[in-house]
């Protein structure tokens, strides 16, 4: 899901094999900095900043904000894909400094890369093919939504019939209440 597209425009001077090698190297670097955070595969935004060749954190944060907007516009929870954290980095003379970082899911990393500066060579390599070898992120969301819908329908909840103001907590309470009723009948 990271880097859904690669190279919109191969210039006539660009050697296709060279471009493929750059893409392969970028993917390997990306996968090498992945880590597990509470059972979820994640990437540090600070590490991604380096991979995408941003020298200043404040400039990279603007790209992250755009990625968050994209996530929000897709009706996907920002909090599930962008986790604000602090981390300690070593400074000269054995000093330490606490800096902001963001743990990104693969999807969030994909959004960050998509919203990056297209003039940067690394971002240029984010434009035709899915580097992760995983199917398109939209397909994953469709499958997830289909599964969630199936579970809801099995429990007698038709999303279209829910009042607009009914939120997740109300649905959860209703499910718990119905479960208790079923347990009493048994």
N, C-alpha and C. Protein backbone atom coordinates (compact mmCIF):
# COMPACT_ATOMS: atom_id res chain seq x y z
N UNK A 1 0.80 -1.18 0.00
CA UNK A 1 0.00 0.00 0.00
C UNK A 1 0.85 1.25 0.00
N UNK A 2 2.03 1.13 0.53
CA UNK A 2 2.93 2.26 0.49
C UNK A 2 3.37 2.46 -0.94
N UNK A 3 3.28 3.65 -1.41
CA UNK A 3 3.67 3.98 -2.77
C UNK A 3 2.81 3.26 -3.80
N UNK A 4 1.61 3.70 -3.98
CA UNK A 4 0.71 3.03 -4.90
C UNK A 4 1.10 3.23 -6.34
N UNK A 5 1.61 4.32 -6.68
CA UNK A 5 1.93 4.56 -8.07
C UNK A 5 3.42 4.86 -8.24
N UNK A 6 3.99 4.53 -9.34
CA UNK A 6 5.40 4.85 -9.58
C UNK A 6 5.55 5.58 -10.90
N UNK A 7 6.27 6.63 -10.89
CA UNK A 7 6.66 7.38 -12.08
C UNK A 7 5.55 7.62 -13.08
N UNK A 8 4.84 8.69 -12.92
CA UNK A 8 3.82 9.05 -13.90
C UNK A 8 4.47 9.27 -15.25
N UNK A 9 5.57 9.95 -15.25
CA UNK A 9 6.21 10.31 -16.51
C UNK A 9 7.65 9.86 -16.54
N UNK A 10 7.93 8.82 -17.32
CA UNK A 10 9.31 8.44 -17.54
C UNK A 10 9.83 9.40 -18.61
N UNK A 11 10.86 10.16 -18.29
CA UNK A 11 11.40 11.04 -19.32
C UNK A 11 12.14 10.19 -20.34
N UNK A 12 12.36 10.72 -21.54
CA UNK A 12 13.02 9.95 -22.59
C UNK A 12 14.45 9.66 -22.22
N UNK A 13 15.04 10.46 -21.32
CA UNK A 13 16.43 10.26 -20.92
C UNK A 13 16.54 9.21 -19.82
N UNK A 14 15.44 8.88 -19.17
CA UNK A 14 15.47 7.96 -18.04
C UNK A 14 15.56 6.53 -18.52
N UNK A 15 16.52 5.82 -17.99
CA UNK A 15 16.67 4.40 -18.30
C UNK A 15 15.66 3.64 -17.45
N UNK A 16 14.76 2.90 -18.09
CA UNK A 16 13.70 2.19 -17.40
C UNK A 16 14.26 1.23 -16.34
N UNK A 17 15.31 0.52 -16.66
CA UNK A 17 15.91 -0.42 -15.72
C UNK A 17 16.47 0.31 -14.51
N UNK A 18 17.07 1.47 -14.73
CA UNK A 18 17.61 2.28 -13.63
C UNK A 18 16.46 2.73 -12.73
N UNK A 19 15.36 3.14 -13.31
CA UNK A 19 14.22 3.60 -12.53
C UNK A 19 13.66 2.43 -11.70
N UNK A 20 13.57 1.25 -12.28
CA UNK A 20 13.10 0.08 -11.55
C UNK A 20 14.02 -0.23 -10.37
N UNK A 21 15.33 -0.08 -10.57
CA UNK A 21 16.28 -0.34 -9.48
C UNK A 21 16.11 0.69 -8.37
N UNK A 22 15.89 1.95 -8.72
CA UNK A 22 15.66 2.99 -7.71
C UNK A 22 14.41 2.66 -6.89
N UNK A 23 13.37 2.22 -7.58
CA UNK A 23 12.12 1.88 -6.92
C UNK A 23 12.34 0.69 -5.98
N UNK A 24 13.04 -0.32 -6.46
CA UNK A 24 13.32 -1.50 -5.64
C UNK A 24 14.12 -1.11 -4.40
N UNK A 25 15.12 -0.26 -4.57
CA UNK A 25 15.93 0.19 -3.43
C UNK A 25 15.09 0.96 -2.42
N UNK A 26 14.21 1.82 -2.92
CA UNK A 26 13.36 2.61 -2.04
C UNK A 26 12.42 1.70 -1.25
N UNK A 27 11.86 0.71 -1.91
CA UNK A 27 10.99 -0.24 -1.23
C UNK A 27 11.75 -1.01 -0.16
N UNK A 28 12.95 -1.47 -0.48
CA UNK A 28 13.75 -2.21 0.49
C UNK A 28 14.07 -1.33 1.71
N UNK A 29 14.39 -0.07 1.47
CA UNK A 29 14.67 0.85 2.58
C UNK A 29 13.41 1.06 3.42
N UNK A 30 12.28 1.19 2.74
CA UNK A 30 11.01 1.38 3.43
C UNK A 30 10.70 0.19 4.32
N UNK A 31 10.80 -1.02 3.78
CA UNK A 31 10.49 -2.23 4.54
C UNK A 31 11.49 -2.43 5.68
N UNK A 32 12.72 -1.99 5.49
CA UNK A 32 13.76 -2.18 6.50
C UNK A 32 13.50 -1.36 7.77
N UNK A 33 12.77 -0.27 7.67
CA UNK A 33 12.54 0.57 8.85
C UNK A 33 11.17 0.32 9.50
N UNK A 34 10.46 -0.68 9.02
CA UNK A 34 9.17 -1.04 9.62
C UNK A 34 9.41 -1.64 11.01
N UNK A 35 8.45 -1.48 11.89
CA UNK A 35 8.53 -2.07 13.22
C UNK A 35 7.13 -2.39 13.71
N UNK A 36 7.05 -3.16 14.77
CA UNK A 36 5.78 -3.57 15.33
C UNK A 36 5.44 -2.67 16.51
N UNK A 37 4.26 -2.07 16.49
CA UNK A 37 3.79 -1.24 17.60
C UNK A 37 2.43 -1.79 18.03
N UNK A 38 2.40 -2.44 19.17
CA UNK A 38 1.18 -3.03 19.72
C UNK A 38 0.49 -3.93 18.70
N UNK A 39 1.28 -4.73 17.99
CA UNK A 39 0.74 -5.69 17.05
C UNK A 39 0.43 -5.14 15.67
N UNK A 40 0.78 -3.88 15.44
CA UNK A 40 0.50 -3.25 14.14
C UNK A 40 1.83 -2.88 13.48
N UNK A 41 1.95 -3.20 12.21
CA UNK A 41 3.15 -2.84 11.45
C UNK A 41 3.14 -1.32 11.26
N UNK A 42 4.22 -0.67 11.65
CA UNK A 42 4.29 0.80 11.60
C UNK A 42 5.63 1.29 11.07
N UNK A 43 5.64 2.57 10.77
CA UNK A 43 6.85 3.28 10.35
C UNK A 43 6.90 4.58 11.11
N UNK A 44 8.10 5.00 11.46
CA UNK A 44 8.31 6.30 12.10
C UNK A 44 8.26 7.37 11.01
N UNK A 45 7.51 8.42 11.27
CA UNK A 45 7.45 9.52 10.30
C UNK A 45 8.84 10.14 10.13
N UNK A 46 9.62 10.14 11.19
CA UNK A 46 10.98 10.69 11.10
C UNK A 46 11.83 9.85 10.13
N UNK A 47 11.65 8.54 10.15
CA UNK A 47 12.38 7.67 9.22
C UNK A 47 11.86 7.88 7.80
N UNK A 48 10.56 7.98 7.66
CA UNK A 48 9.96 8.20 6.35
C UNK A 48 10.41 9.56 5.78
N UNK A 49 10.55 10.53 6.65
CA UNK A 49 11.05 11.85 6.25
C UNK A 49 12.39 11.72 5.54
N UNK A 50 13.28 10.91 6.12
CA UNK A 50 14.60 10.71 5.51
C UNK A 50 14.48 10.00 4.17
N UNK A 51 13.64 8.95 4.12
CA UNK A 51 13.48 8.19 2.88
C UNK A 51 12.94 9.05 1.74
N UNK A 52 12.07 9.99 2.09
CA UNK A 52 11.47 10.84 1.07
C UNK A 52 12.26 12.13 0.86
N UNK A 53 13.42 12.20 1.51
CA UNK A 53 14.37 13.29 1.30
C UNK A 53 13.87 14.68 1.73
N UNK A 54 13.22 14.71 2.90
CA UNK A 54 12.84 16.00 3.48
C UNK A 54 13.86 16.32 4.56
N UNK A 55 14.48 17.47 4.46
CA UNK A 55 15.52 17.81 5.42
C UNK A 55 14.96 18.42 6.71
N UNK A 56 13.79 19.04 6.64
CA UNK A 56 13.25 19.70 7.83
C UNK A 56 11.92 19.08 8.25
N UNK A 57 11.83 18.77 9.53
CA UNK A 57 10.64 18.16 10.10
C UNK A 57 9.41 19.04 9.88
N UNK A 58 9.57 20.35 10.07
CA UNK A 58 8.40 21.25 9.95
C UNK A 58 7.81 21.21 8.54
N UNK A 59 8.64 21.04 7.53
CA UNK A 59 8.13 20.93 6.16
C UNK A 59 7.45 19.58 5.95
N UNK A 60 8.02 18.55 6.54
CA UNK A 60 7.44 17.22 6.41
C UNK A 60 6.09 17.15 7.12
N UNK A 61 5.96 17.87 8.23
CA UNK A 61 4.69 17.89 8.97
C UNK A 61 3.55 18.42 8.10
N UNK A 62 3.86 19.33 7.19
CA UNK A 62 2.83 19.85 6.27
C UNK A 62 2.33 18.73 5.36
N UNK A 63 3.23 17.86 4.94
CA UNK A 63 2.85 16.72 4.09
C UNK A 63 2.00 15.74 4.91
N UNK A 64 2.40 15.53 6.16
CA UNK A 64 1.63 14.64 7.04
C UNK A 64 0.22 15.19 7.24
N UNK A 65 0.12 16.51 7.42
CA UNK A 65 -1.21 17.12 7.58
C UNK A 65 -2.08 16.90 6.34
N UNK A 66 -1.49 17.01 5.17
CA UNK A 66 -2.23 16.74 3.93
C UNK A 66 -2.67 15.28 3.89
N UNK A 67 -1.79 14.39 4.33
CA UNK A 67 -2.12 12.96 4.35
C UNK A 67 -3.27 12.70 5.33
N UNK A 68 -3.26 13.38 6.46
CA UNK A 68 -4.35 13.24 7.43
C UNK A 68 -5.66 13.73 6.82
N UNK A 69 -5.60 14.83 6.08
CA UNK A 69 -6.80 15.33 5.40
C UNK A 69 -7.32 14.31 4.41
N UNK A 70 -6.42 13.67 3.67
CA UNK A 70 -6.83 12.63 2.72
C UNK A 70 -7.51 11.47 3.44
N UNK A 71 -6.96 11.10 4.58
CA UNK A 71 -7.52 10.02 5.39
C UNK A 71 -8.93 10.41 5.85
N UNK A 72 -9.05 11.61 6.36
CA UNK A 72 -10.34 12.11 6.84
C UNK A 72 -11.35 12.17 5.69
N UNK A 73 -10.92 12.65 4.53
CA UNK A 73 -11.81 12.76 3.37
C UNK A 73 -12.28 11.39 2.89
N UNK A 74 -11.51 10.35 3.19
CA UNK A 74 -11.89 8.99 2.81
C UNK A 74 -12.75 8.34 3.91
N UNK A 75 -13.13 9.14 4.92
CA UNK A 75 -13.92 8.65 6.06
C UNK A 75 -13.22 7.51 6.80
N UNK A 76 -11.92 7.65 6.94
CA UNK A 76 -11.12 6.66 7.66
C UNK A 76 -10.55 7.35 8.90
N UNK A 77 -10.57 6.65 10.01
CA UNK A 77 -10.12 7.23 11.27
C UNK A 77 -8.64 7.60 11.22
N UNK A 78 -8.36 8.86 11.44
CA UNK A 78 -6.98 9.35 11.49
C UNK A 78 -6.23 8.72 12.66
N UNK A 79 -6.91 8.60 13.79
CA UNK A 79 -6.27 8.09 15.00
C UNK A 79 -5.81 6.64 14.87
N UNK A 80 -6.41 5.89 13.97
CA UNK A 80 -6.00 4.50 13.77
C UNK A 80 -4.77 4.37 12.88
N UNK A 81 -4.42 5.45 12.19
CA UNK A 81 -3.32 5.37 11.23
C UNK A 81 -2.17 6.33 11.51
N UNK A 82 -2.41 7.35 12.34
CA UNK A 82 -1.40 8.35 12.69
C UNK A 82 -1.37 8.47 14.21
N UNK A 83 -0.32 7.95 14.84
CA UNK A 83 -0.23 7.96 16.31
C UNK A 83 0.90 8.91 16.72
N UNK A 84 0.54 10.00 17.37
CA UNK A 84 1.53 10.96 17.85
C UNK A 84 2.30 10.38 19.02
N UNK A 85 3.62 10.47 18.97
CA UNK A 85 4.48 9.96 20.04
C UNK A 85 5.64 10.93 20.25
N UNK A 86 6.33 10.73 21.34
CA UNK A 86 7.59 11.43 21.59
C UNK A 86 8.68 10.38 21.62
N UNK A 87 9.85 10.74 21.14
CA UNK A 87 10.96 9.81 21.25
C UNK A 87 12.22 10.59 21.61
N UNK A 88 13.13 9.89 22.24
CA UNK A 88 14.38 10.49 22.68
C UNK A 88 15.45 10.21 21.64
N UNK A 89 16.15 11.27 21.24
CA UNK A 89 17.26 11.10 20.32
C UNK A 89 18.55 11.54 21.00
N UNK A 90 19.65 10.94 20.57
CA UNK A 90 20.94 11.29 21.15
C UNK A 90 21.46 12.56 20.48
N UNK A 91 22.08 13.39 21.30
CA UNK A 91 22.67 14.64 20.83
C UNK A 91 24.18 14.57 21.10
N UNK A 92 24.92 15.52 20.59
CA UNK A 92 26.36 15.54 20.87
C UNK A 92 26.63 15.63 22.38
N UNK A 93 27.79 15.19 22.78
CA UNK A 93 28.24 15.23 24.18
C UNK A 93 27.32 14.43 25.10
N UNK A 94 26.84 13.29 24.61
CA UNK A 94 25.99 12.38 25.39
C UNK A 94 24.69 13.01 25.89
N UNK A 95 24.26 14.08 25.27
CA UNK A 95 23.00 14.70 25.65
C UNK A 95 21.85 13.99 24.93
N UNK A 96 20.65 14.18 25.43
CA UNK A 96 19.46 13.62 24.80
C UNK A 96 18.43 14.71 24.60
N UNK A 97 17.57 14.50 23.62
CA UNK A 97 16.53 15.47 23.32
C UNK A 97 15.25 14.71 23.01
N UNK A 98 14.13 15.19 23.51
CA UNK A 98 12.84 14.57 23.20
C UNK A 98 12.26 15.31 22.00
N UNK A 99 11.89 14.53 20.98
CA UNK A 99 11.32 15.10 19.75
C UNK A 99 9.98 14.45 19.46
N UNK A 100 9.15 15.18 18.73
CA UNK A 100 7.87 14.63 18.28
C UNK A 100 8.12 13.65 17.15
N UNK A 101 7.29 12.65 17.08
CA UNK A 101 7.31 11.70 15.97
C UNK A 101 5.87 11.24 15.79
N UNK A 102 5.63 10.55 14.72
CA UNK A 102 4.31 9.99 14.45
C UNK A 102 4.53 8.57 13.94
N UNK A 103 3.84 7.62 14.56
CA UNK A 103 3.87 6.26 14.05
C UNK A 103 2.80 6.15 12.98
N UNK A 104 3.20 5.66 11.82
CA UNK A 104 2.31 5.58 10.66
C UNK A 104 2.05 4.13 10.28
N UNK A 105 0.80 3.81 9.99
CA UNK A 105 0.50 2.50 9.45
C UNK A 105 0.96 2.51 7.98
N UNK A 106 0.88 1.35 7.36
CA UNK A 106 1.24 1.26 5.93
C UNK A 106 0.35 2.21 5.13
N UNK A 107 -0.93 2.25 5.47
CA UNK A 107 -1.87 3.13 4.77
C UNK A 107 -1.47 4.59 4.95
N UNK A 108 -1.14 4.99 6.18
CA UNK A 108 -0.74 6.37 6.44
C UNK A 108 0.54 6.71 5.68
N UNK A 109 1.48 5.76 5.65
CA UNK A 109 2.73 5.97 4.91
C UNK A 109 2.44 6.19 3.44
N UNK A 110 1.52 5.40 2.92
CA UNK A 110 1.08 5.53 1.53
C UNK A 110 0.52 6.93 1.27
N UNK A 111 -0.33 7.41 2.19
CA UNK A 111 -0.91 8.74 2.02
C UNK A 111 0.15 9.83 2.10
N UNK A 112 1.10 9.67 3.01
CA UNK A 112 2.18 10.66 3.13
C UNK A 112 2.98 10.71 1.83
N UNK A 113 3.33 9.54 1.31
CA UNK A 113 4.11 9.48 0.08
C UNK A 113 3.34 10.10 -1.08
N UNK A 114 2.04 9.83 -1.14
CA UNK A 114 1.21 10.37 -2.22
C UNK A 114 1.12 11.88 -2.16
N UNK A 115 1.14 12.43 -0.96
CA UNK A 115 1.00 13.87 -0.79
C UNK A 115 2.33 14.62 -0.79
N UNK A 116 3.42 13.88 -1.01
CA UNK A 116 4.74 14.49 -1.01
C UNK A 116 4.99 15.38 -2.21
N UNK A 117 6.10 16.06 -2.17
CA UNK A 117 6.52 16.97 -3.24
C UNK A 117 6.89 16.14 -4.47
N UNK A 118 6.11 16.28 -5.52
CA UNK A 118 6.31 15.46 -6.72
C UNK A 118 7.60 15.82 -7.47
N UNK A 119 8.24 16.92 -7.09
CA UNK A 119 9.51 17.29 -7.73
C UNK A 119 10.68 16.51 -7.15
N UNK A 120 10.48 15.90 -5.99
CA UNK A 120 11.55 15.11 -5.38
C UNK A 120 11.63 13.77 -6.10
N UNK A 121 12.84 13.28 -6.35
CA UNK A 121 12.98 11.99 -7.05
C UNK A 121 12.26 10.85 -6.33
N UNK A 122 12.29 10.85 -4.99
CA UNK A 122 11.64 9.77 -4.25
C UNK A 122 10.13 9.82 -4.45
N UNK A 123 9.57 11.03 -4.46
CA UNK A 123 8.13 11.17 -4.66
C UNK A 123 7.76 10.84 -6.11
N UNK A 124 8.67 11.13 -7.02
CA UNK A 124 8.41 10.78 -8.42
C UNK A 124 8.25 9.27 -8.55
N UNK A 125 8.93 8.54 -7.70
CA UNK A 125 8.86 7.08 -7.73
C UNK A 125 7.63 6.53 -7.02
N UNK A 126 6.67 7.41 -6.73
CA UNK A 126 5.49 6.99 -6.00
C UNK A 126 4.28 7.03 -6.91
N UNK A 127 4.44 6.86 -8.20
CA UNK A 127 3.30 7.18 -9.03
C UNK A 127 2.72 6.17 -10.02
N UNK A 128 3.18 4.94 -10.21
CA UNK A 128 2.49 4.04 -11.15
C UNK A 128 2.15 2.69 -10.55
N UNK A 129 3.01 2.11 -9.79
CA UNK A 129 2.86 0.72 -9.36
C UNK A 129 2.88 0.63 -7.84
N UNK A 130 2.24 -0.36 -7.32
CA UNK A 130 2.19 -0.57 -5.88
C UNK A 130 3.48 -1.27 -5.44
N UNK A 131 4.32 -0.55 -4.70
CA UNK A 131 5.62 -1.10 -4.31
C UNK A 131 5.52 -2.25 -3.32
N UNK A 132 4.47 -2.30 -2.57
CA UNK A 132 4.41 -3.32 -1.53
C UNK A 132 4.05 -4.68 -2.07
N UNK A 133 3.57 -4.74 -3.30
CA UNK A 133 3.16 -6.01 -3.86
C UNK A 133 1.79 -6.44 -3.34
N UNK A 134 1.17 -5.61 -2.52
CA UNK A 134 -0.14 -5.89 -1.97
C UNK A 134 -1.17 -5.21 -2.86
N UNK A 135 -2.35 -5.79 -2.93
CA UNK A 135 -3.38 -5.19 -3.75
C UNK A 135 -3.68 -3.78 -3.31
N UNK A 136 -4.31 -3.06 -4.18
CA UNK A 136 -4.68 -1.68 -3.97
C UNK A 136 -5.37 -1.47 -2.61
N UNK A 137 -5.02 -0.38 -1.92
CA UNK A 137 -5.57 -0.10 -0.58
C UNK A 137 -7.08 0.02 -0.63
N UNK A 138 -7.62 0.56 -1.71
CA UNK A 138 -9.06 0.70 -1.82
C UNK A 138 -9.73 -0.68 -1.78
N UNK A 139 -9.12 -1.66 -2.43
CA UNK A 139 -9.68 -3.01 -2.42
C UNK A 139 -9.70 -3.58 -1.01
N UNK A 140 -8.65 -3.30 -0.24
CA UNK A 140 -8.63 -3.78 1.14
C UNK A 140 -9.75 -3.16 1.95
N UNK A 141 -9.99 -1.86 1.74
CA UNK A 141 -11.05 -1.19 2.47
C UNK A 141 -12.43 -1.71 2.05
N UNK A 142 -12.59 -2.01 0.79
CA UNK A 142 -13.85 -2.57 0.31
C UNK A 142 -14.09 -3.92 0.98
N UNK A 143 -13.06 -4.75 1.02
CA UNK A 143 -13.20 -6.07 1.66
C UNK A 143 -13.51 -5.93 3.14
N UNK A 144 -12.83 -5.00 3.81
CA UNK A 144 -13.07 -4.77 5.23
C UNK A 144 -14.51 -4.29 5.45
N UNK A 145 -14.95 -3.32 4.66
CA UNK A 145 -16.30 -2.80 4.81
C UNK A 145 -17.35 -3.87 4.53
N UNK A 146 -17.08 -4.73 3.55
CA UNK A 146 -17.99 -5.83 3.24
C UNK A 146 -18.11 -6.77 4.43
N UNK A 147 -16.98 -7.08 5.06
CA UNK A 147 -16.98 -7.97 6.24
C UNK A 147 -17.75 -7.34 7.40
N UNK A 148 -17.51 -6.05 7.65
CA UNK A 148 -18.20 -5.37 8.74
C UNK A 148 -19.70 -5.34 8.46
N UNK A 149 -20.06 -5.03 7.24
CA UNK A 149 -21.48 -5.00 6.87
C UNK A 149 -22.13 -6.37 7.08
N UNK A 150 -21.44 -7.43 6.67
CA UNK A 150 -21.97 -8.79 6.82
C UNK A 150 -22.25 -9.09 8.29
N UNK A 151 -21.31 -8.74 9.16
CA UNK A 151 -21.48 -8.97 10.60
C UNK A 151 -22.68 -8.18 11.12
N UNK A 152 -22.79 -6.93 10.70
CA UNK A 152 -23.91 -6.10 11.16
C UNK A 152 -25.25 -6.69 10.72
N UNK A 153 -25.32 -7.10 9.46
CA UNK A 153 -26.57 -7.67 8.93
C UNK A 153 -26.92 -8.97 9.65
N UNK A 154 -25.89 -9.80 9.94
CA UNK A 154 -26.12 -11.04 10.69
C UNK A 154 -26.72 -10.75 12.06
N UNK A 155 -26.42 -9.60 12.61
CA UNK A 155 -26.92 -9.23 13.93
C UNK A 155 -28.19 -8.38 13.85
N UNK A 156 -28.72 -8.28 12.64
CA UNK A 156 -29.99 -7.57 12.48
C UNK A 156 -29.85 -6.07 12.36
N UNK A 157 -28.66 -5.58 12.11
CA UNK A 157 -28.45 -4.14 11.95
C UNK A 157 -28.19 -3.82 10.49
N UNK A 158 -29.11 -3.11 9.88
CA UNK A 158 -28.94 -2.70 8.50
C UNK A 158 -28.47 -1.24 8.53
N UNK A 159 -27.23 -0.98 8.08
CA UNK A 159 -26.68 0.38 8.19
C UNK A 159 -27.59 1.47 7.63
N UNK A 160 -28.26 1.18 6.51
CA UNK A 160 -29.13 2.19 5.89
C UNK A 160 -30.33 2.52 6.76
N UNK A 161 -30.71 1.60 7.65
CA UNK A 161 -31.88 1.81 8.51
C UNK A 161 -31.54 2.47 9.84
N UNK A 162 -30.26 2.65 10.10
CA UNK A 162 -29.87 3.30 11.36
C UNK A 162 -30.13 4.80 11.26
N UNK A 163 -30.67 5.39 12.33
CA UNK A 163 -30.86 6.83 12.32
C UNK A 163 -29.50 7.52 12.17
N UNK A 164 -29.45 8.65 11.45
CA UNK A 164 -28.16 9.32 11.22
C UNK A 164 -27.43 9.68 12.50
N UNK A 165 -28.15 9.98 13.56
CA UNK A 165 -27.50 10.41 14.80
C UNK A 165 -27.00 9.23 15.63
N UNK A 166 -27.38 8.00 15.25
CA UNK A 166 -26.96 6.84 16.05
C UNK A 166 -25.49 6.56 15.80
N UNK A 167 -24.69 6.68 16.84
CA UNK A 167 -23.26 6.48 16.68
C UNK A 167 -22.84 5.07 17.08
N UNK A 168 -21.57 4.81 16.98
CA UNK A 168 -21.03 3.48 17.25
C UNK A 168 -21.34 3.03 18.67
N UNK A 169 -21.22 3.92 19.63
CA UNK A 169 -21.47 3.54 21.03
C UNK A 169 -22.91 3.07 21.22
N UNK A 170 -23.84 3.76 20.56
CA UNK A 170 -25.24 3.35 20.67
C UNK A 170 -25.44 1.97 20.05
N UNK A 171 -24.80 1.74 18.93
CA UNK A 171 -24.91 0.44 18.26
C UNK A 171 -24.32 -0.65 19.16
N UNK A 172 -23.15 -0.36 19.77
CA UNK A 172 -22.54 -1.33 20.67
C UNK A 172 -23.44 -1.64 21.86
N UNK A 173 -24.06 -0.61 22.44
CA UNK A 173 -24.96 -0.83 23.58
C UNK A 173 -26.16 -1.66 23.15
N UNK A 174 -26.67 -1.37 21.96
CA UNK A 174 -27.82 -2.11 21.46
C UNK A 174 -27.46 -3.59 21.23
N UNK A 175 -26.27 -3.82 20.69
CA UNK A 175 -25.82 -5.20 20.48
C UNK A 175 -25.67 -5.94 21.80
N UNK A 176 -25.10 -5.27 22.80
CA UNK A 176 -24.94 -5.89 24.11
C UNK A 176 -26.30 -6.22 24.73
N UNK A 177 -27.24 -5.31 24.58
CA UNK A 177 -28.58 -5.52 25.11
C UNK A 177 -29.25 -6.71 24.43
N UNK A 178 -29.12 -6.78 23.11
CA UNK A 178 -29.72 -7.89 22.37
C UNK A 178 -29.05 -9.22 22.75
N UNK A 179 -27.75 -9.18 22.98
CA UNK A 179 -27.04 -10.40 23.37
C UNK A 179 -27.54 -10.89 24.73
N UNK A 180 -27.74 -9.96 25.67
CA UNK A 180 -28.25 -10.33 26.99
C UNK A 180 -29.63 -10.95 26.88
N UNK A 181 -30.48 -10.39 26.01
CA UNK A 181 -31.82 -10.93 25.81
C UNK A 181 -31.75 -12.35 25.27
N UNK A 182 -30.83 -12.57 24.31
CA UNK A 182 -30.68 -13.91 23.75
C UNK A 182 -30.16 -14.90 24.79
N UNK A 183 -29.24 -14.44 25.62
CA UNK A 183 -28.69 -15.30 26.67
C UNK A 183 -29.78 -15.70 27.68
N UNK A 184 -30.70 -14.78 27.98
CA UNK A 184 -31.78 -15.07 28.93
C UNK A 184 -32.74 -16.10 28.35
N UNK A 185 -32.96 -16.04 27.05
CA UNK A 185 -33.86 -16.98 26.40
C UNK A 185 -33.32 -18.39 26.42
N UNK A 186 -32.01 -18.53 26.44
CA UNK A 186 -31.37 -19.84 26.45
C UNK A 186 -31.46 -20.40 27.81
